[in-house]
Amino acid sequence: MGSLEAVKSARCGCCGMCEECTDEYIVWVQERFGGIWVCGLCEEAIKDEQVRLGVGIEVALRAHASFREATSVDPAIRAARSILQLLKKILSTSSPPPTNS
């Protein structure tokens, strides 16, 4: 029988989420992301930033990290901002109500 690799918990350097990983996988991810271990969700977001911005991993990682910092405010404030943006969008795209002649 083959040997089982030790699994340990790794914490994402972006969002703080933990995943169970082998040491080999942790090292592989850290090598790709400048010494920072990132979870699978943040990895996908970073790849999207790379494509969207046309930049390398380091710049995409910084862009994702700054996005995470900007969205880590109090959930009530974040909800209020979202509602305000929605209202602005509705008001800017709506036409005046029809008048009955």
PDB file of N, CA and C in Angstrom:
ATOM      1  N   MET A   1       0.828  -1.179   0.000  1.00  0.00           N
ATOM      2  CA  MET A   1       0.000   0.000   0.000  1.00  0.00           C
ATOM      3  C   MET A   1       0.871   1.240   0.000  1.00  0.00           C
ATOM      4  N   GLY A   2       0.370   2.321  -0.637  1.00  0.00           N
ATOM      5  CA  GLY A   2       1.104   3.573  -0.692  1.00  0.00           C
ATOM      6  C   GLY A   2       1.004   4.327   0.621  1.00  0.00           C
ATOM      7  N   SER A   3       1.945   5.214   0.829  1.00  0.00           N
ATOM      8  CA  SER A   3       1.920   5.989   2.058  1.00  0.00           C
ATOM      9  C   SER A   3       0.930   7.157   1.927  1.00  0.00           C
ATOM     10  N   LEU A   4       0.330   7.517   3.040  1.00  0.00           N
ATOM     11  CA  LEU A   4      -0.602   8.638   3.067  1.00  0.00           C
ATOM     12  C   LEU A   4       0.169   9.907   3.391  1.00  0.00           C
ATOM     13  N   GLU A   5      -0.114  10.964   2.635  1.00  0.00           N
ATOM     14  CA  GLU A   5       0.542  12.235   2.901  1.00  0.00           C
ATOM     15  C   GLU A   5      -0.161  12.932   4.054  1.00  0.00           C
ATOM     16  N   ALA A   6       0.616  13.626   4.858  1.00  0.00           N
ATOM     17  CA  ALA A   6       0.045  14.376   5.972  1.00  0.00           C
ATOM     18  C   ALA A   6      -0.730  15.563   5.432  1.00  0.00           C
ATOM     19  N   VAL A   7      -1.877  15.788   6.012  1.00  0.00           N
ATOM     20  CA  VAL A   7      -2.726  16.906   5.612  1.00  0.00           C
ATOM     21  C   VAL A   7      -2.770  17.886   6.769  1.00  0.00           C
ATOM     22  N   LYS A   8      -2.652  19.175   6.440  1.00  0.00           N
ATOM     23  CA  LYS A   8      -2.758  20.180   7.486  1.00  0.00           C
ATOM     24  C   LYS A   8      -3.597  21.344   6.994  1.00  0.00           C
ATOM     25  N   SER A   9      -3.991  22.174   7.897  1.00  0.00           N
ATOM     26  CA  SER A   9      -4.842  23.304   7.585  1.00  0.00           C
ATOM     27  C   SER A   9      -3.992  24.479   7.106  1.00  0.00           C
ATOM     28  N   ALA A  10      -4.418  25.096   6.006  1.00  0.00           N
ATOM     29  CA  ALA A  10      -3.737  26.286   5.485  1.00  0.00           C
ATOM     30  C   ALA A  10      -4.746  27.424   5.446  1.00  0.00           C
ATOM     31  N   ARG A  11      -4.326  28.600   5.905  1.00  0.00           N
ATOM     32  CA  ARG A  11      -5.205  29.771   5.947  1.00  0.00           C
ATOM     33  C   ARG A  11      -4.874  30.695   4.773  1.00  0.00           C
ATOM     34  N   CYS A  12      -5.920  31.105   4.046  1.00  0.00           N
ATOM     35  CA  CYS A  12      -5.759  31.974   2.891  1.00  0.00           C
ATOM     36  C   CYS A  12      -5.237  33.346   3.317  1.00  0.00           C
ATOM     37  N   GLY A  13      -4.233  33.830   2.609  1.00  0.00           N
ATOM     38  CA  GLY A  13      -3.665  35.144   2.880  1.00  0.00           C
ATOM     39  C   GLY A  13      -4.548  36.286   2.414  1.00  0.00           C
ATOM     40  N   CYS A  14      -5.601  35.984   1.663  1.00  0.00           N
ATOM     41  CA  CYS A  14      -6.523  37.024   1.188  1.00  0.00           C
ATOM     42  C   CYS A  14      -7.776  37.107   2.051  1.00  0.00           C
ATOM     43  N   CYS A  15      -8.488  35.991   2.163  1.00  0.00           N
ATOM     44  CA  CYS A  15      -9.795  36.020   2.823  1.00  0.00           C
ATOM     45  C   CYS A  15      -9.803  35.393   4.203  1.00  0.00           C
ATOM     46  N   GLY A  16      -8.758  34.643   4.547  1.00  0.00           N
ATOM     47  CA  GLY A  16      -8.684  34.024   5.863  1.00  0.00           C
ATOM     48  C   GLY A  16      -9.345  32.662   5.970  1.00  0.00           C
ATOM     49  N   MET A  17      -9.941  32.180   4.886  1.00  0.00           N
ATOM     50  CA  MET A  17     -10.581  30.869   4.911  1.00  0.00           C
ATOM     51  C   MET A  17      -9.517  29.777   5.024  1.00  0.00           C
ATOM     52  N   CYS A  18      -9.846  28.700   5.716  1.00  0.00           N
ATOM     53  CA  CYS A  18      -8.918  27.574   5.866  1.00  0.00           C
ATOM     54  C   CYS A  18      -9.327  26.422   4.973  1.00  0.00           C
ATOM     55  N   GLU A  19      -8.327  25.713   4.463  1.00  0.00           N
ATOM     56  CA  GLU A  19      -8.548  24.501   3.680  1.00  0.00           C
ATOM     57  C   GLU A  19      -7.555  23.454   4.153  1.00  0.00           C
ATOM     58  N   GLU A  20      -7.950  22.203   4.064  1.00  0.00           N
ATOM     59  CA  GLU A  20      -7.070  21.084   4.380  1.00  0.00           C
ATOM     60  C   GLU A  20      -6.255  20.751   3.132  1.00  0.00           C
ATOM     61  N   CYS A  21      -4.939  20.763   3.248  1.00  0.00           N
ATOM     62  CA  CYS A  21      -4.058  20.553   2.090  1.00  0.00           C
ATOM     63  C   CYS A  21      -2.820  19.768   2.497  1.00  0.00           C
ATOM     64  N   THR A  22      -2.182  19.171   1.510  1.00  0.00           N
ATOM     65  CA  THR A  22      -0.896  18.521   1.756  1.00  0.00           C
ATOM     66  C   THR A  22       0.190  19.585   1.740  1.00  0.00           C
ATOM     67  N   ASP A  23       1.311  19.267   2.373  1.00  0.00           N
ATOM     68  CA  ASP A  23       2.440  20.198   2.376  1.00  0.00           C
ATOM     69  C   ASP A  23       2.886  20.520   0.950  1.00  0.00           C
ATOM     70  N   GLU A  24       2.888  19.492   0.099  1.00  0.00           N
ATOM     71  CA  GLU A  24       3.316  19.674  -1.286  1.00  0.00           C
ATOM     72  C   GLU A  24       2.438  20.700  -2.003  1.00  0.00           C
ATOM     73  N   TYR A  25       1.130  20.605  -1.810  1.00  0.00           N
ATOM     74  CA  TYR A  25       0.202  21.543  -2.455  1.00  0.00           C
ATOM     75  C   TYR A  25       0.372  22.955  -1.888  1.00  0.00           C
ATOM     76  N   ILE A  26       0.555  23.061  -0.583  1.00  0.00           N
ATOM     77  CA  ILE A  26       0.748  24.372   0.045  1.00  0.00           C
ATOM     78  C   ILE A  26       1.974  25.053  -0.546  1.00  0.00           C
ATOM     79  N   VAL A  27       3.068  24.332  -0.651  1.00  0.00           N
ATOM     80  CA  VAL A  27       4.302  24.893  -1.220  1.00  0.00           C
ATOM     81  C   VAL A  27       4.075  25.300  -2.672  1.00  0.00           C
ATOM     82  N   TRP A  28       3.398  24.470  -3.454  1.00  0.00           N
ATOM     83  CA  TRP A  28       3.129  24.766  -4.868  1.00  0.00           C
ATOM     84  C   TRP A  28       2.331  26.067  -5.009  1.00  0.00           C
ATOM     85  N   VAL A  29       1.299  26.233  -4.191  1.00  0.00           N
ATOM     86  CA  VAL A  29       0.480  27.453  -4.255  1.00  0.00           C
ATOM     87  C   VAL A  29       1.304  28.662  -3.836  1.00  0.00           C
ATOM     88  N   GLN A  30       2.062  28.524  -2.769  1.00  0.00           N
ATOM     89  CA  GLN A  30       2.890  29.637  -2.300  1.00  0.00           C
ATOM     90  C   GLN A  30       3.918  30.061  -3.341  1.00  0.00           C
ATOM     91  N   GLU A  31       4.471  29.114  -4.070  1.00  0.00           N
ATOM     92  CA  GLU A  31       5.429  29.452  -5.124  1.00  0.00           C
ATOM     93  C   GLU A  31       4.752  30.246  -6.232  1.00  0.00           C
ATOM     94  N   ARG A  32       3.507  29.923  -6.548  1.00  0.00           N
ATOM     95  CA  ARG A  32       2.772  30.632  -7.603  1.00  0.00           C
ATOM     96  C   ARG A  32       2.356  32.028  -7.187  1.00  0.00           C
ATOM     97  N   PHE A  33       2.142  32.241  -5.879  1.00  0.00           N
ATOM     98  CA  PHE A  33       1.589  33.503  -5.401  1.00  0.00           C
ATOM     99  C   PHE A  33       2.535  34.257  -4.478  1.00  0.00           C
ATOM    100  N   GLY A  34       3.803  34.235  -4.810  1.00  0.00           N
ATOM    101  CA  GLY A  34       4.791  35.048  -4.098  1.00  0.00           C
ATOM    102  C   GLY A  34       4.897  34.775  -2.614  1.00  0.00           C
ATOM    103  N   GLY A  35       4.784  33.509  -2.215  1.00  0.00           N
ATOM    104  CA  GLY A  35       4.933  33.149  -0.813  1.00  0.00           C
ATOM    105  C   GLY A  35       3.649  33.180  -0.017  1.00  0.00           C
ATOM    106  N   ILE A  36       2.561  33.590  -0.627  1.00  0.00           N
ATOM    107  CA  ILE A  36       1.267  33.657   0.058  1.00  0.00           C
ATOM    108  C   ILE A  36       0.443  32.450  -0.360  1.00  0.00           C
ATOM    109  N   TRP A  37      -0.175  31.792   0.623  1.00  0.00           N
ATOM    110  CA  TRP A  37      -1.079  30.707   0.284  1.00  0.00           C
ATOM    111  C   TRP A  37      -2.465  31.303   0.103  1.00  0.00           C
ATOM    112  N   VAL A  38      -3.114  30.998  -1.019  1.00  0.00           N
ATOM    113  CA  VAL A  38      -4.468  31.483  -1.283  1.00  0.00           C
ATOM    114  C   VAL A  38      -5.390  30.294  -1.503  1.00  0.00           C
ATOM    115  N   CYS A  39      -6.641  30.446  -1.051  1.00  0.00           N
ATOM    116  CA  CYS A  39      -7.621  29.372  -1.215  1.00  0.00           C
ATOM    117  C   CYS A  39      -8.051  29.289  -2.680  1.00  0.00           C
ATOM    118  N   GLY A  40      -8.791  28.252  -3.000  1.00  0.00           N
ATOM    119  CA  GLY A  40      -9.248  28.048  -4.374  1.00  0.00           C
ATOM    120  C   GLY A  40     -10.139  29.171  -4.880  1.00  0.00           C
ATOM    121  N   LEU A  41     -10.999  29.718  -4.009  1.00  0.00           N
ATOM    122  CA  LEU A  41     -11.879  30.812  -4.437  1.00  0.00           C
ATOM    123  C   LEU A  41     -11.083  32.061  -4.784  1.00  0.00           C
ATOM    124  N   CYS A  42     -10.144  32.425  -3.915  1.00  0.00           N
ATOM    125  CA  CYS A  42      -9.326  33.604  -4.196  1.00  0.00           C
ATOM    126  C   CYS A  42      -8.429  33.365  -5.403  1.00  0.00           C
ATOM    127  N   GLU A  43      -7.952  32.135  -5.577  1.00  0.00           N
ATOM    128  CA  GLU A  43      -7.130  31.817  -6.748  1.00  0.00           C
ATOM    129  C   GLU A  43      -7.906  32.089  -8.034  1.00  0.00           C
ATOM    130  N   GLU A  44      -9.168  31.672  -8.067  1.00  0.00           N
ATOM    131  CA  GLU A  44     -10.000  31.928  -9.251  1.00  0.00           C
ATOM    132  C   GLU A  44     -10.224  33.420  -9.451  1.00  0.00           C
ATOM    133  N   ALA A  45     -10.456  34.138  -8.372  1.00  0.00           N
ATOM    134  CA  ALA A  45     -10.651  35.590  -8.476  1.00  0.00           C
ATOM    135  C   ALA A  45      -9.386  36.273  -8.979  1.00  0.00           C
ATOM    136  N   ILE A  46      -8.237  35.799  -8.530  1.00  0.00           N
ATOM    137  CA  ILE A  46      -6.965  36.371  -8.977  1.00  0.00           C
ATOM    138  C   ILE A  46      -6.753  36.090 -10.462  1.00  0.00           C
ATOM    139  N   LYS A  47      -7.089  34.883 -10.894  1.00  0.00           N
ATOM    140  CA  LYS A  47      -6.980  34.554 -12.329  1.00  0.00           C
ATOM    141  C   LYS A  47      -7.895  35.468 -13.149  1.00  0.00           C
ATOM    142  N   ASP A  48      -9.102  35.716 -12.654  1.00  0.00           N
ATOM    143  CA  ASP A  48     -10.023  36.628 -13.347  1.00  0.00           C
ATOM    144  C   ASP A  48      -9.441  38.031 -13.438  1.00  0.00           C
ATOM    145  N   GLU A  49      -8.812  38.490 -12.355  1.00  0.00           N
ATOM    146  CA  GLU A  49      -8.170  39.818 -12.361  1.00  0.00           C
ATOM    147  C   GLU A  49      -7.049  39.855 -13.394  1.00  0.00           C
ATOM    148  N   GLN A  50      -6.276  38.769 -13.502  1.00  0.00           N
ATOM    149  CA  GLN A  50      -5.204  38.708 -14.491  1.00  0.00           C
ATOM    150  C   GLN A  50      -5.753  38.915 -15.895  1.00  0.00           C
ATOM    151  N   VAL A  51      -6.820  38.206 -16.209  1.00  0.00           N
ATOM    152  CA  VAL A  51      -7.414  38.299 -17.542  1.00  0.00           C
ATOM    153  C   VAL A  51      -8.019  39.682 -17.756  1.00  0.00           C
ATOM    154  N   ARG A  52      -8.774  40.153 -16.763  1.00  0.00           N
ATOM    155  CA  ARG A  52      -9.468  41.441 -16.886  1.00  0.00           C
ATOM    156  C   ARG A  52      -8.493  42.596 -17.051  1.00  0.00           C
ATOM    157  N   LEU A  53      -7.401  42.576 -16.268  1.00  0.00           N
ATOM    158  CA  LEU A  53      -6.439  43.678 -16.288  1.00  0.00           C
ATOM    159  C   LEU A  53      -5.273  43.444 -17.241  1.00  0.00           C
ATOM    160  N   GLY A  54      -5.086  42.186 -17.684  1.00  0.00           N
ATOM    161  CA  GLY A  54      -3.953  41.873 -18.552  1.00  0.00           C
ATOM    162  C   GLY A  54      -2.622  42.046 -17.839  1.00  0.00           C
ATOM    163  N   VAL A  55      -2.543  41.560 -16.586  1.00  0.00           N
ATOM    164  CA  VAL A  55      -1.344  41.729 -15.767  1.00  0.00           C
ATOM    165  C   VAL A  55      -0.858  40.384 -15.254  1.00  0.00           C
ATOM    166  N   GLY A  56       0.271  40.406 -14.570  1.00  0.00           N
ATOM    167  CA  GLY A  56       0.824  39.199 -13.970  1.00  0.00           C
ATOM    168  C   GLY A  56       0.151  38.865 -12.651  1.00  0.00           C
ATOM    169  N   ILE A  57       0.562  37.741 -12.092  1.00  0.00           N
ATOM    170  CA  ILE A  57      -0.047  37.260 -10.848  1.00  0.00           C
ATOM    171  C   ILE A  57       0.139  38.250  -9.702  1.00  0.00           C
ATOM    172  N   GLU A  58       1.326  38.843  -9.575  1.00  0.00           N
ATOM    173  CA  GLU A  58       1.589  39.740  -8.454  1.00  0.00           C
ATOM    174  C   GLU A  58       0.634  40.931  -8.456  1.00  0.00           C
ATOM    175  N   VAL A  59       0.451  41.546  -9.618  1.00  0.00           N
ATOM    176  CA  VAL A  59      -0.444  42.702  -9.726  1.00  0.00           C
ATOM    177  C   VAL A  59      -1.890  42.273  -9.498  1.00  0.00           C
ATOM    178  N   ALA A  60      -2.264  41.131 -10.051  1.00  0.00           N
ATOM    179  CA  ALA A  60      -3.628  40.625  -9.876  1.00  0.00           C
ATOM    180  C   ALA A  60      -3.896  40.298  -8.413  1.00  0.00           C
ATOM    181  N   LEU A  61      -2.903  39.757  -7.719  1.00  0.00           N
ATOM    182  CA  LEU A  61      -3.034  39.455  -6.295  1.00  0.00           C
ATOM    183  C   LEU A  61      -3.252  40.735  -5.499  1.00  0.00           C
ATOM    184  N   ARG A  62      -2.491  41.778  -5.805  1.00  0.00           N
ATOM    185  CA  ARG A  62      -2.673  43.069  -5.120  1.00  0.00           C
ATOM    186  C   ARG A  62      -4.045  43.659  -5.408  1.00  0.00           C
ATOM    187  N   ALA A  63      -4.505  43.542  -6.663  1.00  0.00           N
ATOM    188  CA  ALA A  63      -5.827  44.065  -7.025  1.00  0.00           C
ATOM    189  C   ALA A  63      -6.911  43.311  -6.258  1.00  0.00           C
ATOM    190  N   HIS A  64      -6.785  41.999  -6.167  1.00  0.00           N
ATOM    191  CA  HIS A  64      -7.768  41.209  -5.423  1.00  0.00           C
ATOM    192  C   HIS A  64      -7.724  41.547  -3.938  1.00  0.00           C
ATOM    193  N   ALA A  65      -6.523  41.693  -3.398  1.00  0.00           N
ATOM    194  CA  ALA A  65      -6.387  42.020  -1.974  1.00  0.00           C
ATOM    195  C   ALA A  65      -7.000  43.378  -1.671  1.00  0.00           C
ATOM    196  N   SER A  66      -6.796  44.362  -2.548  1.00  0.00           N
ATOM    197  CA  SER A  66      -7.379  45.684  -2.299  1.00  0.00           C
ATOM    198  C   SER A  66      -8.897  45.631  -2.419  1.00  0.00           C
ATOM    199  N   PHE A  67      -9.414  44.796  -3.317  1.00  0.00           N
ATOM    200  CA  PHE A  67     -10.859  44.604  -3.420  1.00  0.00           C
ATOM    201  C   PHE A  67     -11.392  43.980  -2.137  1.00  0.00           C
ATOM    202  N   ARG A  68     -10.711  42.974  -1.629  1.00  0.00           N
ATOM    203  CA  ARG A  68     -11.142  42.322  -0.385  1.00  0.00           C
ATOM    204  C   ARG A  68     -11.156  43.313   0.764  1.00  0.00           C
ATOM    205  N   GLU A  69     -10.136  44.184   0.844  1.00  0.00           N
ATOM    206  CA  GLU A  69     -10.086  45.180   1.912  1.00  0.00           C
ATOM    207  C   GLU A  69     -11.242  46.160   1.781  1.00  0.00           C
ATOM    208  N   ALA A  70     -11.544  46.566   0.558  1.00  0.00           N
ATOM    209  CA  ALA A  70     -12.612  47.539   0.336  1.00  0.00           C
ATOM    210  C   ALA A  70     -13.983  46.969   0.655  1.00  0.00           C
ATOM    211  N   THR A  71     -14.150  45.666   0.510  1.00  0.00           N
ATOM    212  CA  THR A  71     -15.458  45.051   0.753  1.00  0.00           C
ATOM    213  C   THR A  71     -15.578  44.440   2.137  1.00  0.00           C
ATOM    214  N   SER A  72     -14.567  44.629   2.979  1.00  0.00           N
ATOM    215  CA  SER A  72     -14.619  44.021   4.302  1.00  0.00           C
ATOM    216  C   SER A  72     -15.202  44.960   5.355  1.00  0.00           C
ATOM    217  N   VAL A  73     -15.958  45.949   4.939  1.00  0.00           N
ATOM    218  CA  VAL A  73     -16.596  46.852   5.892  1.00  0.00           C
ATOM    219  C   VAL A  73     -17.816  46.181   6.514  1.00  0.00           C
ATOM    220  N   ASP A  74     -18.386  46.840   7.480  1.00  0.00           N
ATOM    221  CA  ASP A  74     -19.582  46.350   8.174  1.00  0.00           C
ATOM    222  C   ASP A  74     -20.652  45.952   7.163  1.00  0.00           C
ATOM    223  N   PRO A  75     -21.237  44.769   7.309  1.00  0.00           N
ATOM    224  CA  PRO A  75     -22.256  44.303   6.355  1.00  0.00           C
ATOM    225  C   PRO A  75     -23.423  45.277   6.194  1.00  0.00           C
ATOM    226  N   ALA A  76     -23.811  45.963   7.250  1.00  0.00           N
ATOM    227  CA  ALA A  76     -24.920  46.920   7.156  1.00  0.00           C
ATOM    228  C   ALA A  76     -24.543  48.099   6.258  1.00  0.00           C
ATOM    229  N   ILE A  77     -23.308  48.562   6.379  1.00  0.00           N
ATOM    230  CA  ILE A  77     -22.845  49.665   5.532  1.00  0.00           C
ATOM    231  C   ILE A  77     -22.752  49.193   4.088  1.00  0.00           C
ATOM    232  N   ARG A  78     -22.236  47.984   3.883  1.00  0.00           N
ATOM    233  CA  ARG A  78     -22.129  47.433   2.533  1.00  0.00           C
ATOM    234  C   ARG A  78     -23.507  47.289   1.900  1.00  0.00           C
ATOM    235  N   ALA A  79     -24.499  46.830   2.671  1.00  0.00           N
ATOM    236  CA  ALA A  79     -25.870  46.701   2.150  1.00  0.00           C
ATOM    237  C   ALA A  79     -26.444  48.066   1.815  1.00  0.00           C
ATOM    238  N   ALA A  80     -26.209  49.048   2.670  1.00  0.00           N
ATOM    239  CA  ALA A  80     -26.717  50.402   2.413  1.00  0.00           C
ATOM    240  C   ALA A  80     -26.100  50.982   1.142  1.00  0.00           C
ATOM    241  N   ARG A  81     -24.814  50.768   0.940  1.00  0.00           N
ATOM    242  CA  ARG A  81     -24.146  51.255  -0.276  1.00  0.00           C
ATOM    243  C   ARG A  81     -24.721  50.574  -1.515  1.00  0.00           C
ATOM    244  N   SER A  82     -24.978  49.272  -1.414  1.00  0.00           N
ATOM    245  CA  SER A  82     -25.542  48.541  -2.555  1.00  0.00           C
ATOM    246  C   SER A  82     -26.929  49.058  -2.898  1.00  0.00           C
ATOM    247  N   ILE A  83     -27.746  49.309  -1.889  1.00  0.00           N
ATOM    248  CA  ILE A  83     -29.098  49.833  -2.121  1.00  0.00           C
ATOM    249  C   ILE A  83     -29.022  51.213  -2.747  1.00  0.00           C
ATOM    250  N   LEU A  84     -28.111  52.044  -2.263  1.00  0.00           N
ATOM    251  CA  LEU A  84     -27.942  53.379  -2.825  1.00  0.00           C
ATOM    252  C   LEU A  84     -27.530  53.310  -4.294  1.00  0.00           C
ATOM    253  N   GLN A  85     -26.593  52.420  -4.620  1.00  0.00           N
ATOM    254  CA  GLN A  85     -26.173  52.259  -6.014  1.00  0.00           C
ATOM    255  C   GLN A  85     -27.333  51.786  -6.878  1.00  0.00           C
ATOM    256  N   LEU A  86     -28.126  50.866  -6.365  1.00  0.00           N
ATOM    257  CA  LEU A  86     -29.280  50.367  -7.105  1.00  0.00           C
ATOM    258  C   LEU A  86     -30.283  51.490  -7.364  1.00  0.00           C
ATOM    259  N   LEU A  87     -30.559  52.291  -6.349  1.00  0.00           N
ATOM    260  CA  LEU A  87     -31.493  53.410  -6.521  1.00  0.00           C
ATOM    261  C   LEU A  87     -30.974  54.419  -7.547  1.00  0.00           C
ATOM    262  N   LYS A  88     -29.695  54.716  -7.485  1.00  0.00           N
ATOM    263  CA  LYS A  88     -29.103  55.640  -8.462  1.00  0.00           C
ATOM    264  C   LYS A  88     -29.243  55.088  -9.872  1.00  0.00           C
ATOM    265  N   LYS A  89     -29.004  53.798 -10.033  1.00  0.00           N
ATOM    266  CA  LYS A  89     -29.113  53.170 -11.351  1.00  0.00           C
ATOM    267  C   LYS A  89     -30.551  53.233 -11.852  1.00  0.00           C
ATOM    268  N   ILE A  90     -31.496  52.920 -10.990  1.00  0.00           N
ATOM    269  CA  ILE A  90     -32.909  52.950 -11.377  1.00  0.00           C
ATOM    270  C   ILE A  90     -33.325  54.363 -11.767  1.00  0.00           C
ATOM    271  N   LEU A  91     -32.923  55.340 -10.966  1.00  0.00           N
ATOM    272  CA  LEU A  91     -33.301  56.723 -11.241  1.00  0.00           C
ATOM    273  C   LEU A  91     -32.655  57.259 -12.515  1.00  0.00           C
ATOM    274  N   SER A  92     -31.438  56.827 -12.800  1.00  0.00           N
ATOM    275  CA  SER A  92     -30.752  57.336 -13.988  1.00  0.00           C
ATOM    276  C   SER A  92     -31.270  56.708 -15.279  1.00  0.00           C
ATOM    277  N   THR A  93     -31.828  55.504 -15.187  1.00  0.00           N
ATOM    278  CA  THR A  93     -32.293  54.837 -16.402  1.00  0.00           C
ATOM    279  C   THR A  93     -33.798  54.920 -16.596  1.00  0.00           C
ATOM    280  N   SER A  94     -34.507  55.381 -15.597  1.00  0.00           N
ATOM    281  CA  SER A  94     -35.967  55.428 -15.715  1.00  0.00           C
ATOM    282  C   SER A  94     -36.398  56.686 -16.463  1.00  0.00           C
ATOM    283  N   SER A  95     -37.462  56.539 -17.230  1.00  0.00           N
ATOM    284  CA  SER A  95     -38.013  57.690 -17.933  1.00  0.00           C
ATOM    285  C   SER A  95     -39.100  58.289 -17.050  1.00  0.00           C
ATOM    286  N   PRO A  96     -39.472  59.537 -17.289  1.00  0.00           N
ATOM    287  CA  PRO A  96     -40.499  60.149 -16.465  1.00  0.00           C
ATOM    288  C   PRO A  96     -41.824  59.385 -16.611  1.00  0.00           C
ATOM    289  N   PRO A  97     -42.611  59.354 -15.540  1.00  0.00           N
ATOM    290  CA  PRO A  97     -43.877  58.612 -15.613  1.00  0.00           C
ATOM    291  C   PRO A  97     -44.813  59.234 -16.651  1.00  0.00           C
ATOM    292  N   PRO A  98     -45.578  58.377 -17.327  1.00  0.00           N
ATOM    293  CA  PRO A  98     -46.509  58.914 -18.344  1.00  0.00           C
ATOM    294  C   PRO A  98     -47.612  59.718 -17.662  1.00  0.00           C
ATOM    295  N   THR A  99     -48.029  60.761 -18.353  1.00  0.00           N
ATOM    296  CA  THR A  99     -49.124  61.577 -17.837  1.00  0.00           C
ATOM    297  C   THR A  99     -50.370  61.289 -18.645  1.00  0.00           C
ATOM    298  N   ASN A 100     -51.505  61.270 -17.967  1.00  0.00           N
ATOM    299  CA  ASN A 100     -52.776  61.035 -18.648  1.00  0.00           C
ATOM    300  C   ASN A 100     -53.318  62.367 -19.148  1.00  0.00           C
ATOM    301  N   SER A 101     -53.668  62.435 -20.403  1.00  0.00           N
ATOM    302  CA  SER A 101     -54.178  63.671 -20.972  1.00  0.00           C
ATOM    303  C   SER A 101     -55.677  63.696 -20.937  1.00  0.00           C
TER     304      SER A 101
END
